[in-house]
Amino acid sequence: MPDNSEANIHIADTLTLLLHNQHAMAAAIEEVTGWLTENGVGNVAANAIAALNTLDTNAKGITDSIMRLRQL
C-alpha cells in the first residue's frame, strides 16, 4: 500500500488533469458564448456566462486542493 505522500501525488496529478479538462471546457464555452452573442441569442449567452463563472469558482477550489496535496 502506498504511503500518504505517494497517494497525495497521484491524487494531485489526477486533479491537475481534471483541472486542465475544466479549462478546456471553459475555453469552448467562451467560443460558443461569443458566437451566441454575435448571433442575437443573448439570453443563451448569459446562461453560458453563468456556467463559466461556476467553472472559474470550481477551478479555484481545485487549484487550492492541488496545492495543499503537493505540500503534504
PDB file of N, CA and C in Angstrom:
ATOM      1  N   MET A   1       0.847  -1.188   0.000  1.00  0.00           N
ATOM      2  CA  MET A   1       0.000   0.000   0.000  1.00  0.00           C
ATOM      3  C   MET A   1       0.886   1.242   0.000  1.00  0.00           C
ATOM      4  N   PRO A   2       0.601   2.220  -0.869  1.00  0.00           N
ATOM      5  CA  PRO A   2       1.448   3.406  -0.925  1.00  0.00           C
ATOM      6  C   PRO A   2       1.298   4.252   0.328  1.00  0.00           C
ATOM      7  N   ASP A   3       2.387   4.956   0.675  1.00  0.00           N
ATOM      8  CA  ASP A   3       2.269   5.848   1.819  1.00  0.00           C
ATOM      9  C   ASP A   3       1.466   7.081   1.402  1.00  0.00           C
ATOM     10  N   ASN A   4       1.142   7.911   2.377  1.00  0.00           N
ATOM     11  CA  ASN A   4       0.279   9.064   2.099  1.00  0.00           C
ATOM     12  C   ASN A   4       0.875  10.011   1.084  1.00  0.00           C
ATOM     13  N   SER A   5       2.192  10.230   1.122  1.00  0.00           N
ATOM     14  CA  SER A   5       2.784  11.188   0.196  1.00  0.00           C
ATOM     15  C   SER A   5       2.658  10.700  -1.244  1.00  0.00           C
ATOM     16  N   GLU A   6       2.841   9.405  -1.469  1.00  0.00           N
ATOM     17  CA  GLU A   6       2.688   8.863  -2.820  1.00  0.00           C
ATOM     18  C   GLU A   6       1.230   8.950  -3.277  1.00  0.00           C
ATOM     19  N   ALA A   7       0.327   8.650  -2.388  1.00  0.00           N
ATOM     20  CA  ALA A   7      -1.098   8.748  -2.711  1.00  0.00           C
ATOM     21  C   ALA A   7      -1.471  10.196  -3.009  1.00  0.00           C
ATOM     22  N   ASN A   8      -0.942  11.126  -2.225  1.00  0.00           N
ATOM     23  CA  ASN A   8      -1.227  12.541  -2.445  1.00  0.00           C
ATOM     24  C   ASN A   8      -0.734  13.004  -3.814  1.00  0.00           C
ATOM     25  N   ILE A   9       0.424  12.507  -4.215  1.00  0.00           N
ATOM     26  CA  ILE A   9       0.961  12.864  -5.531  1.00  0.00           C
ATOM     27  C   ILE A   9       0.025  12.377  -6.627  1.00  0.00           C
ATOM     28  N   HIS A  10      -0.438  11.142  -6.513  1.00  0.00           N
ATOM     29  CA  HIS A  10      -1.344  10.588  -7.517  1.00  0.00           C
ATOM     30  C   HIS A  10      -2.671  11.355  -7.543  1.00  0.00           C
ATOM     31  N   ILE A  11      -3.180  11.697  -6.391  1.00  0.00           N
ATOM     32  CA  ILE A  11      -4.429  12.462  -6.316  1.00  0.00           C
ATOM     33  C   ILE A  11      -4.228  13.842  -6.932  1.00  0.00           C
ATOM     34  N   ALA A  12      -3.124  14.493  -6.587  1.00  0.00           N
ATOM     35  CA  ALA A  12      -2.849  15.820  -7.138  1.00  0.00           C
ATOM     36  C   ALA A  12      -2.687  15.762  -8.651  1.00  0.00           C
ATOM     37  N   ASP A  13      -1.999  14.730  -9.149  1.00  0.00           N
ATOM     38  CA  ASP A  13      -1.835  14.579 -10.603  1.00  0.00           C
ATOM     39  C   ASP A  13      -3.185  14.394 -11.292  1.00  0.00           C
ATOM     40  N   THR A  14      -4.054  13.597 -10.690  1.00  0.00           N
ATOM     41  CA  THR A  14      -5.384  13.372 -11.260  1.00  0.00           C
ATOM     42  C   THR A  14      -6.208  14.649 -11.243  1.00  0.00           C
ATOM     43  N   LEU A  15      -6.167  15.360 -10.135  1.00  0.00           N
ATOM     44  CA  LEU A  15      -6.885  16.636 -10.056  1.00  0.00           C
ATOM     45  C   LEU A  15      -6.347  17.639 -11.070  1.00  0.00           C
ATOM     46  N   THR A  16      -5.044  17.620 -11.317  1.00  0.00           N
ATOM     47  CA  THR A  16      -4.450  18.513 -12.305  1.00  0.00           C
ATOM     48  C   THR A  16      -5.006  18.223 -13.695  1.00  0.00           C
ATOM     49  N   LEU A  17      -5.125  16.940 -14.033  1.00  0.00           N
ATOM     50  CA  LEU A  17      -5.710  16.578 -15.329  1.00  0.00           C
ATOM     51  C   LEU A  17      -7.163  17.038 -15.423  1.00  0.00           C
ATOM     52  N   LEU A  18      -7.915  16.859 -14.353  1.00  0.00           N
ATOM     53  CA  LEU A  18      -9.304  17.324 -14.346  1.00  0.00           C
ATOM     54  C   LEU A  18      -9.373  18.845 -14.486  1.00  0.00           C
ATOM     55  N   LEU A  19      -8.446  19.539 -13.855  1.00  0.00           N
ATOM     56  CA  LEU A  19      -8.406  20.993 -13.960  1.00  0.00           C
ATOM     57  C   LEU A  19      -8.107  21.416 -15.399  1.00  0.00           C
ATOM     58  N   HIS A  20      -7.189  20.713 -16.066  1.00  0.00           N
ATOM     59  CA  HIS A  20      -6.897  21.011 -17.473  1.00  0.00           C
ATOM     60  C   HIS A  20      -8.145  20.798 -18.328  1.00  0.00           C
ATOM     61  N   ASN A  21      -8.889  19.734 -18.047  1.00  0.00           N
ATOM     62  CA  ASN A  21     -10.139  19.495 -18.774  1.00  0.00           C
ATOM     63  C   ASN A  21     -11.133  20.624 -18.525  1.00  0.00           C
ATOM     64  N   GLN A  22     -11.183  21.081 -17.294  1.00  0.00           N
ATOM     65  CA  GLN A  22     -12.105  22.158 -16.948  1.00  0.00           C
ATOM     66  C   GLN A  22     -11.741  23.435 -17.706  1.00  0.00           C
ATOM     67  N   HIS A  23     -10.445  23.723 -17.811  1.00  0.00           N
ATOM     68  CA  HIS A  23     -10.014  24.900 -18.566  1.00  0.00           C
ATOM     69  C   HIS A  23     -10.381  24.767 -20.042  1.00  0.00           C
ATOM     70  N   ALA A  24     -10.247  23.561 -20.581  1.00  0.00           N
ATOM     71  CA  ALA A  24     -10.605  23.333 -21.989  1.00  0.00           C
ATOM     72  C   ALA A  24     -12.103  23.534 -22.207  1.00  0.00           C
ATOM     73  N   MET A  25     -12.910  23.037 -21.286  1.00  0.00           N
ATOM     74  CA  MET A  25     -14.355  23.235 -21.399  1.00  0.00           C
ATOM     75  C   MET A  25     -14.709  24.715 -21.311  1.00  0.00           C
ATOM     76  N   ALA A  26     -14.042  25.434 -20.426  1.00  0.00           N
ATOM     77  CA  ALA A  26     -14.301  26.865 -20.295  1.00  0.00           C
ATOM     78  C   ALA A  26     -13.958  27.588 -21.594  1.00  0.00           C
ATOM     79  N   ALA A  27     -12.852  27.218 -22.214  1.00  0.00           N
ATOM     80  CA  ALA A  27     -12.470  27.850 -23.477  1.00  0.00           C
ATOM     81  C   ALA A  27     -13.518  27.580 -24.559  1.00  0.00           C
ATOM     82  N   ALA A  28     -14.011  26.361 -24.597  1.00  0.00           N
ATOM     83  CA  ALA A  28     -15.043  26.024 -25.589  1.00  0.00           C
ATOM     84  C   ALA A  28     -16.325  26.812 -25.326  1.00  0.00           C
ATOM     85  N   ILE A  29     -16.722  26.913 -24.076  1.00  0.00           N
ATOM     86  CA  ILE A  29     -17.929  27.671 -23.733  1.00  0.00           C
ATOM     87  C   ILE A  29     -17.746  29.145 -24.088  1.00  0.00           C
ATOM     88  N   GLU A  30     -16.543  29.680 -23.881  1.00  0.00           N
ATOM     89  CA  GLU A  30     -16.278  31.072 -24.253  1.00  0.00           C
ATOM     90  C   GLU A  30     -16.463  31.277 -25.758  1.00  0.00           C
ATOM     91  N   GLU A  31     -15.973  30.335 -26.550  1.00  0.00           N
ATOM     92  CA  GLU A  31     -16.131  30.435 -28.002  1.00  0.00           C
ATOM     93  C   GLU A  31     -17.609  30.416 -28.393  1.00  0.00           C
ATOM     94  N   VAL A  32     -18.351  29.495 -27.818  1.00  0.00           N
ATOM     95  CA  VAL A  32     -19.776  29.381 -28.129  1.00  0.00           C
ATOM     96  C   VAL A  32     -20.521  30.629 -27.650  1.00  0.00           C
ATOM     97  N   THR A  33     -20.148  31.138 -26.500  1.00  0.00           N
ATOM     98  CA  THR A  33     -20.788  32.341 -25.963  1.00  0.00           C
ATOM     99  C   THR A  33     -20.592  33.518 -26.907  1.00  0.00           C
ATOM    100  N   GLY A  34     -19.375  33.662 -27.427  1.00  0.00           N
ATOM    101  CA  GLY A  34     -19.119  34.736 -28.390  1.00  0.00           C
ATOM    102  C   GLY A  34     -19.998  34.600 -29.620  1.00  0.00           C
ATOM    103  N   TRP A  35     -20.120  33.392 -30.134  1.00  0.00           N
ATOM    104  CA  TRP A  35     -20.952  33.158 -31.313  1.00  0.00           C
ATOM    105  C   TRP A  35     -22.416  33.467 -31.009  1.00  0.00           C
ATOM    106  N   LEU A  36     -22.881  33.024 -29.840  1.00  0.00           N
ATOM    107  CA  LEU A  36     -24.269  33.277 -29.457  1.00  0.00           C
ATOM    108  C   LEU A  36     -24.548  34.776 -29.360  1.00  0.00           C
ATOM    109  N   THR A  37     -23.629  35.496 -28.756  1.00  0.00           N
ATOM    110  CA  THR A  37     -23.797  36.939 -28.597  1.00  0.00           C
ATOM    111  C   THR A  37     -23.840  37.622 -29.962  1.00  0.00           C
ATOM    112  N   GLU A  38     -22.932  37.227 -30.846  1.00  0.00           N
ATOM    113  CA  GLU A  38     -22.880  37.825 -32.191  1.00  0.00           C
ATOM    114  C   GLU A  38     -24.129  37.515 -33.022  1.00  0.00           C
ATOM    115  N   ASN A  39     -24.791  36.426 -32.712  1.00  0.00           N
ATOM    116  CA  ASN A  39     -25.944  36.000 -33.490  1.00  0.00           C
ATOM    117  C   ASN A  39     -27.278  36.257 -32.791  1.00  0.00           C
ATOM    118  N   GLY A  40     -27.266  37.162 -31.837  1.00  0.00           N
ATOM    119  CA  GLY A  40     -28.500  37.626 -31.243  1.00  0.00           C
ATOM    120  C   GLY A  40     -29.190  36.675 -30.286  1.00  0.00           C
ATOM    121  N   VAL A  41     -28.446  35.775 -29.700  1.00  0.00           N
ATOM    122  CA  VAL A  41     -29.050  34.846 -28.734  1.00  0.00           C
ATOM    123  C   VAL A  41     -28.480  35.180 -27.349  1.00  0.00           C
ATOM    124  N   GLY A  42     -28.706  36.413 -26.953  1.00  0.00           N
ATOM    125  CA  GLY A  42     -28.118  36.924 -25.722  1.00  0.00           C
ATOM    126  C   GLY A  42     -28.533  36.190 -24.466  1.00  0.00           C
ATOM    127  N   ASN A  43     -29.789  35.727 -24.401  1.00  0.00           N
ATOM    128  CA  ASN A  43     -30.234  35.040 -23.182  1.00  0.00           C
ATOM    129  C   ASN A  43     -29.500  33.707 -23.009  1.00  0.00           C
ATOM    130  N   VAL A  44     -29.230  33.011 -24.112  1.00  0.00           N
ATOM    131  CA  VAL A  44     -28.478  31.769 -24.024  1.00  0.00           C
ATOM    132  C   VAL A  44     -27.027  32.077 -23.673  1.00  0.00           C
ATOM    133  N   ALA A  45     -26.498  33.148 -24.240  1.00  0.00           N
ATOM    134  CA  ALA A  45     -25.132  33.562 -23.924  1.00  0.00           C
ATOM    135  C   ALA A  45     -25.001  33.882 -22.439  1.00  0.00           C
ATOM    136  N   ALA A  46     -26.007  34.503 -21.868  1.00  0.00           N
ATOM    137  CA  ALA A  46     -25.982  34.828 -20.440  1.00  0.00           C
ATOM    138  C   ALA A  46     -25.924  33.554 -19.598  1.00  0.00           C
ATOM    139  N   ASN A  47     -26.648  32.525 -20.007  1.00  0.00           N
ATOM    140  CA  ASN A  47     -26.587  31.248 -19.289  1.00  0.00           C
ATOM    141  C   ASN A  47     -25.201  30.630 -19.403  1.00  0.00           C
ATOM    142  N   ALA A  48     -24.591  30.756 -20.577  1.00  0.00           N
ATOM    143  CA  ALA A  48     -23.246  30.220 -20.766  1.00  0.00           C
ATOM    144  C   ALA A  48     -22.244  30.961 -19.885  1.00  0.00           C
ATOM    145  N   ILE A  49     -22.428  32.261 -19.758  1.00  0.00           N
ATOM    146  CA  ILE A  49     -21.541  33.050 -18.891  1.00  0.00           C
ATOM    147  C   ILE A  49     -21.692  32.609 -17.435  1.00  0.00           C
ATOM    148  N   ALA A  50     -22.908  32.300 -17.025  1.00  0.00           N
ATOM    149  CA  ALA A  50     -23.121  31.799 -15.660  1.00  0.00           C
ATOM    150  C   ALA A  50     -22.386  30.480 -15.464  1.00  0.00           C
ATOM    151  N   ALA A  51     -22.408  29.621 -16.482  1.00  0.00           N
ATOM    152  CA  ALA A  51     -21.670  28.357 -16.396  1.00  0.00           C
ATOM    153  C   ALA A  51     -20.171  28.610 -16.287  1.00  0.00           C
ATOM    154  N   LEU A  52     -19.670  29.597 -17.032  1.00  0.00           N
ATOM    155  CA  LEU A  52     -18.252  29.943 -16.949  1.00  0.00           C
ATOM    156  C   LEU A  52     -17.875  30.409 -15.547  1.00  0.00           C
ATOM    157  N   ASN A  53     -18.758  31.187 -14.933  1.00  0.00           N
ATOM    158  CA  ASN A  53     -18.485  31.648 -13.561  1.00  0.00           C
ATOM    159  C   ASN A  53     -18.377  30.472 -12.602  1.00  0.00           C
ATOM    160  N   THR A  54     -19.228  29.475 -12.780  1.00  0.00           N
ATOM    161  CA  THR A  54     -19.160  28.275 -11.943  1.00  0.00           C
ATOM    162  C   THR A  54     -17.853  27.532 -12.180  1.00  0.00           C
ATOM    163  N   LEU A  55     -17.466  27.394 -13.443  1.00  0.00           N
ATOM    164  CA  LEU A  55     -16.196  26.733 -13.755  1.00  0.00           C
ATOM    165  C   LEU A  55     -15.022  27.473 -13.120  1.00  0.00           C
ATOM    166  N   ASP A  56     -15.045  28.801 -13.178  1.00  0.00           N
ATOM    167  CA  ASP A  56     -13.965  29.588 -12.574  1.00  0.00           C
ATOM    168  C   ASP A  56     -13.897  29.385 -11.065  1.00  0.00           C
ATOM    169  N   THR A  57     -15.051  29.409 -10.427  1.00  0.00           N
ATOM    170  CA  THR A  57     -15.098  29.207  -8.973  1.00  0.00           C
ATOM    171  C   THR A  57     -14.562  27.829  -8.598  1.00  0.00           C
ATOM    172  N   ASN A  58     -15.024  26.822  -9.318  1.00  0.00           N
ATOM    173  CA  ASN A  58     -14.583  25.462  -9.015  1.00  0.00           C
ATOM    174  C   ASN A  58     -13.110  25.254  -9.349  1.00  0.00           C
ATOM    175  N   ALA A  59     -12.616  25.905 -10.393  1.00  0.00           N
ATOM    176  CA  ALA A  59     -11.197  25.790 -10.744  1.00  0.00           C
ATOM    177  C   ALA A  59     -10.331  26.321  -9.609  1.00  0.00           C
ATOM    178  N   LYS A  60     -10.778  27.386  -8.985  1.00  0.00           N
ATOM    179  CA  LYS A  60     -10.030  27.938  -7.844  1.00  0.00           C
ATOM    180  C   LYS A  60      -9.968  26.927  -6.708  1.00  0.00           C
ATOM    181  N   GLY A  61     -11.083  26.288  -6.404  1.00  0.00           N
ATOM    182  CA  GLY A  61     -11.106  25.284  -5.342  1.00  0.00           C
ATOM    183  C   GLY A  61     -10.237  24.080  -5.670  1.00  0.00           C
ATOM    184  N   ILE A  62     -10.282  23.638  -6.924  1.00  0.00           N
ATOM    185  CA  ILE A  62      -9.453  22.501  -7.334  1.00  0.00           C
ATOM    186  C   ILE A  62      -7.978  22.875  -7.231  1.00  0.00           C
ATOM    187  N   THR A  63      -7.633  24.072  -7.695  1.00  0.00           N
ATOM    188  CA  THR A  63      -6.243  24.522  -7.628  1.00  0.00           C
ATOM    189  C   THR A  63      -5.759  24.573  -6.185  1.00  0.00           C
ATOM    190  N   ASP A  64      -6.581  25.096  -5.291  1.00  0.00           N
ATOM    191  CA  ASP A  64      -6.208  25.152  -3.870  1.00  0.00           C
ATOM    192  C   ASP A  64      -5.984  23.747  -3.309  1.00  0.00           C
ATOM    193  N   SER A  65      -6.840  22.803  -3.679  1.00  0.00           N
ATOM    194  CA  SER A  65      -6.687  21.430  -3.203  1.00  0.00           C
ATOM    195  C   SER A  65      -5.411  20.795  -3.737  1.00  0.00           C
ATOM    196  N   ILE A  66      -5.117  21.041  -5.000  1.00  0.00           N
ATOM    197  CA  ILE A  66      -3.888  20.504  -5.586  1.00  0.00           C
ATOM    198  C   ILE A  66      -2.674  21.035  -4.832  1.00  0.00           C
ATOM    199  N   MET A  67      -2.676  22.320  -4.558  1.00  0.00           N
ATOM    200  CA  MET A  67      -1.535  22.915  -3.858  1.00  0.00           C
ATOM    201  C   MET A  67      -1.376  22.351  -2.453  1.00  0.00           C
ATOM    202  N   ARG A  68      -2.492  22.146  -1.747  1.00  0.00           N
ATOM    203  CA  ARG A  68      -2.418  21.560  -0.404  1.00  0.00           C
ATOM    204  C   ARG A  68      -1.876  20.128  -0.466  1.00  0.00           C
ATOM    205  N   LEU A  69      -2.337  19.347  -1.421  1.00  0.00           N
ATOM    206  CA  LEU A  69      -1.859  17.967  -1.546  1.00  0.00           C
ATOM    207  C   LEU A  69      -0.372  17.934  -1.867  1.00  0.00           C
ATOM    208  N   ARG A  70       0.087  18.817  -2.719  1.00  0.00           N
ATOM    209  CA  ARG A  70       1.502  18.813  -3.101  1.00  0.00           C
ATOM    210  C   ARG A  70       2.407  19.279  -1.967  1.00  0.00           C
ATOM    211  N   GLN A  71       1.844  19.992  -0.989  1.00  0.00           N
ATOM    212  CA  GLN A  71       2.639  20.446   0.150  1.00  0.00           C
ATOM    213  C   GLN A  71       2.738  19.408   1.252  1.00  0.00           C
ATOM    214  N   LEU A  72       1.890  18.384   1.207  1.00  0.00           N
ATOM    215  CA  LEU A  72       1.900  17.378   2.276  1.00  0.00           C
ATOM    216  C   LEU A  72       3.077  16.439   2.129  1.00  0.00           C
TER     217      LEU A  72
END
